[in-house]
Amino acid sequence: MNQFPSPFFRWRPHPWHGLEVGPEPPRRVQAFIEICPFDMVKYEVDKATGYLRVDRSVRSSSQHPTLYGFIPRTYCGERVGKLMEEASRGDGDPLDICVITERPISKTEIILNARVVGGLPMCDNGEADDKIIAVIEDDPLWAKVDDIAELPPALIDRLMHYFLTYKYVPGKEHQVSIGEPYGYEHARVVIEAAINDYNENFGGQ
């Protein structure tokens, strides 16, 4: 008789709370993907159900340059907020992650393993909303990248431009700022803080 794999989930696990943070955090993490570069609508995981909800249509013509989602079992709380001078607190969401891949991936609601290389210190309405930057594990083009300094500057510029414009609403004051991109060493600190914030707010594993 065939045996169920271990662990086995009879019901679909919630992507924020039911998935693992990754195989070797903070360098190797798991990402749940909400948005792909082909999407012109902002999707976000519904915190109650774990399904994707339409958050809003993007007003600008920008498309996300990479896969975008979050690291499970992370939380941008007090510790994450204290790492950003301009922020008064974390944004209360899981830690966002942008994943670079050589092959186009058009699907969302997928999970993948990613290697962290850096991040963007984004502040949104006074809240820390860091964007971790990673490469998909075993990618034929990007797999050997260890730090954000090894990525093409144009790619980082596109990511910054996207996040500075994707919440643009005509006639409303702009509330988003992004500081100097940081490398893996600071990304490691941010991820560890987000894991500790999660454990404190939701309990450890």
Foldseek 3Di string as FASTA:
>chain_A
DDDDDPPDDPDDAQQQARDDLADDPPFKGKWAFQFFQVDQFDWAQDPVPNHIDGPGGFPDPAGAPFTKGAGHLFFFFALLQVVDPQAPTAPGDGAMEGEDAPDGDHDGRDMAMWGWWWWKQKAFQRHTRIYTYTYGDPHPPCNPRRHPVPDPPVNVVSNQVCVQRRPDDPPDDRGMDIDDITTDVVVRSSRVSRNVVSCVVPNDD
